[in-house]
Each structure stands twice: as structure tokens, then as C-alpha cells.
């Protein structure tokens, strides 16, 4: 199989599995879901390193969201907000 196909297969199986597991555990915070999606996406990139013709806009967007949610959690811990 080609790297791009393996990457797509891994991501398309991992993300729904994450949703099923987290929802079965009763998790309802969107930041947990997006953080795990980001992790899965970058793990898939590291494992399969698909070839790209354009910049990785999805990776950049997921990373920006991850940084945003981590910043919110840190501020919450530091300032008790």
C-alpha cells in the first residue's frame, strides 16, 4: 500500500475509535477530543510520512487548536479560573 493510503486508513480508523471510546467513558469536553485527534494525526504523519504537494494546513490548524486549549488549561490551573 502507498504511504498516503496507509496514512488515510490509520487516521480514518483511529479518530472514530477515539470518539467511541471517549463517549463510552462519558467524556464531553471538546478539548479532549481535539487534543487526541491532533496526537493521532501527528503520529500518523510520523509513522507514514505521506507525500504532500501543498503545505499541511490541517496539521497547522490542529496544532493551533491544541496550543489554544493547552493555554486555557494552564491559565485555569495558574489563576483558578
C-alpha atoms as a PDB file:
ATOM      1  CA  UNK A   1       0.000   0.000   0.000  1.00  0.00           C
ATOM      2  CA  UNK A   2       1.127   3.531  -0.631  1.00  0.00           C
ATOM      3  CA  UNK A   3       2.094   5.794   2.248  1.00  0.00           C
ATOM      4  CA  UNK A   4      -0.784   8.181   1.565  1.00  0.00           C
ATOM      5  CA  UNK A   5      -3.313   5.359   1.641  1.00  0.00           C
ATOM      6  CA  UNK A   6      -1.891   3.936   4.878  1.00  0.00           C
ATOM      7  CA  UNK A   7      -1.964   7.386   6.448  1.00  0.00           C
ATOM      8  CA  UNK A   8      -5.584   7.908   5.430  1.00  0.00           C
ATOM      9  CA  UNK A   9      -6.540   4.423   6.637  1.00  0.00           C
ATOM     10  CA  UNK A  10      -4.868   4.911  10.021  1.00  0.00           C
ATOM     11  CA  UNK A  11      -6.484   8.306  10.600  1.00  0.00           C
ATOM     12  CA  UNK A  12      -9.894   7.141   9.390  1.00  0.00           C
ATOM     13  CA  UNK A  13      -9.810   4.209  11.814  1.00  0.00           C
ATOM     14  CA  UNK A  14      -8.188   5.939  14.797  1.00  0.00           C
ATOM     15  CA  UNK A  15     -10.425   9.005  15.004  1.00  0.00           C
ATOM     16  CA  UNK A  16     -13.800   7.202  15.099  1.00  0.00           C
ATOM     17  CA  UNK A  17     -12.334   4.732  17.582  1.00  0.00           C
ATOM     18  CA  UNK A  18     -11.291   7.667  19.770  1.00  0.00           C
ATOM     19  CA  UNK A  19     -14.802   9.109  19.595  1.00  0.00           C
ATOM     20  CA  UNK A  20     -16.338   5.766  20.525  1.00  0.00           C
ATOM     21  CA  UNK A  21     -14.001   5.178  23.465  1.00  0.00           C
ATOM     22  CA  UNK A  22     -14.274   8.699  24.869  1.00  0.00           C
ATOM     23  CA  UNK A  23     -18.038   8.798  24.529  1.00  0.00           C
ATOM     24  CA  UNK A  24     -18.292   5.386  26.208  1.00  0.00           C
ATOM     25  CA  UNK A  25     -16.249   6.831  29.082  1.00  0.00           C
ATOM     26  CA  UNK A  26     -18.668   9.757  29.332  1.00  0.00           C
ATOM     27  CA  UNK A  27     -16.212  12.421  28.180  1.00  0.00           C
ATOM     28  CA  UNK A  28     -17.947  15.518  26.850  1.00  0.00           C
ATOM     29  CA  UNK A  29     -15.168  18.150  26.664  1.00  0.00           C
ATOM     30  CA  UNK A  30     -14.329  19.080  23.092  1.00  0.00           C
ATOM     31  CA  UNK A  31     -10.748  19.958  24.002  1.00  0.00           C
ATOM     32  CA  UNK A  32     -10.021  16.347  24.970  1.00  0.00           C
ATOM     33  CA  UNK A  33     -11.320  15.092  21.630  1.00  0.00           C
ATOM     34  CA  UNK A  34      -9.384  17.652  19.603  1.00  0.00           C
ATOM     35  CA  UNK A  35      -6.198  17.059  21.587  1.00  0.00           C
ATOM     36  CA  UNK A  36      -6.349  13.329  20.906  1.00  0.00           C
ATOM     37  CA  UNK A  37      -7.207  13.917  17.237  1.00  0.00           C
ATOM     38  CA  UNK A  38      -4.134  16.135  16.986  1.00  0.00           C
ATOM     39  CA  UNK A  39      -1.975  13.474  18.595  1.00  0.00           C
ATOM     40  CA  UNK A  40      -3.315  10.794  16.253  1.00  0.00           C
ATOM     41  CA  UNK A  41      -2.792  12.972  13.202  1.00  0.00           C
ATOM     42  CA  UNK A  42       0.830  13.723  14.039  1.00  0.00           C
ATOM     43  CA  UNK A  43       1.536  10.102  14.987  1.00  0.00           C
ATOM     44  CA  UNK A  44       0.178   9.067  11.592  1.00  0.00           C
ATOM     45  CA  UNK A  45       2.397  11.671   9.936  1.00  0.00           C
ATOM     46  CA  UNK A  46       5.427  10.389  11.828  1.00  0.00           C
ATOM     47  CA  UNK A  47       4.702   6.743  11.018  1.00  0.00           C
ATOM     48  CA  UNK A  48       3.742   7.049   7.357  1.00  0.00           C
ATOM     49  CA  UNK A  49       5.136  10.474   6.326  1.00  0.00           C
ATOM     50  CA  UNK A  50       2.790  10.935   3.376  1.00  0.00           C
ATOM     51  CA  UNK A  51       3.936  12.957   0.400  1.00  0.00           C
ATOM     52  CA  UNK A  52       2.395  16.392   0.108  1.00  0.00           C
ATOM     53  CA  UNK A  53       2.039  18.765  -2.811  1.00  0.00           C
ATOM     54  CA  UNK A  54       0.671  21.591  -0.659  1.00  0.00           C
ATOM     55  CA  UNK A  55       1.505  22.765   2.870  1.00  0.00           C
ATOM     56  CA  UNK A  56      -0.097  20.830   5.724  1.00  0.00           C
ATOM     57  CA  UNK A  57      -2.918  23.232   6.594  1.00  0.00           C
ATOM     58  CA  UNK A  58      -4.807  20.619   8.626  1.00  0.00           C
ATOM     59  CA  UNK A  59      -1.749  19.933  10.764  1.00  0.00           C
ATOM     60  CA  UNK A  60      -1.223  23.645  11.334  1.00  0.00           C
ATOM     61  CA  UNK A  61      -4.871  24.146  12.306  1.00  0.00           C
ATOM     62  CA  UNK A  62      -4.865  21.162  14.686  1.00  0.00           C
ATOM     63  CA  UNK A  63      -1.628  22.351  16.276  1.00  0.00           C
ATOM     64  CA  UNK A  64      -3.027  25.859  16.744  1.00  0.00           C
ATOM     65  CA  UNK A  65      -6.166  24.458  18.404  1.00  0.00           C
ATOM     66  CA  UNK A  66      -4.056  22.210  20.630  1.00  0.00           C
ATOM     67  CA  UNK A  67      -1.899  25.161  21.745  1.00  0.00           C
ATOM     68  CA  UNK A  68      -5.034  27.207  22.411  1.00  0.00           C
ATOM     69  CA  UNK A  69      -6.627  24.519  24.610  1.00  0.00           C
ATOM     70  CA  UNK A  70      -3.386  23.856  26.482  1.00  0.00           C
ATOM     71  CA  UNK A  71      -3.030  27.583  27.138  1.00  0.00           C
ATOM     72  CA  UNK A  72      -6.584  27.709  28.502  1.00  0.00           C
ATOM     73  CA  UNK A  73      -5.870  24.776  30.838  1.00  0.00           C
ATOM     74  CA  UNK A  74      -2.616  26.317  32.074  1.00  0.00           C
ATOM     75  CA  UNK A  75      -4.314  29.644  32.750  1.00  0.00           C
ATOM     76  CA  UNK A  76      -7.112  27.811  34.560  1.00  0.00           C
ATOM     77  CA  UNK A  77      -4.613  25.979  36.777  1.00  0.00           C
ATOM     78  CA  UNK A  78      -2.496  29.059  37.482  1.00  0.00           C
ATOM     79  CA  UNK A  79      -5.292  31.519  38.146  1.00  0.00           C
ATOM     80  CA  UNK A  80      -8.067  29.191  39.294  1.00  0.00           C
ATOM     81  CA  UNK A  81     -10.382  30.485  36.569  1.00  0.00           C
END
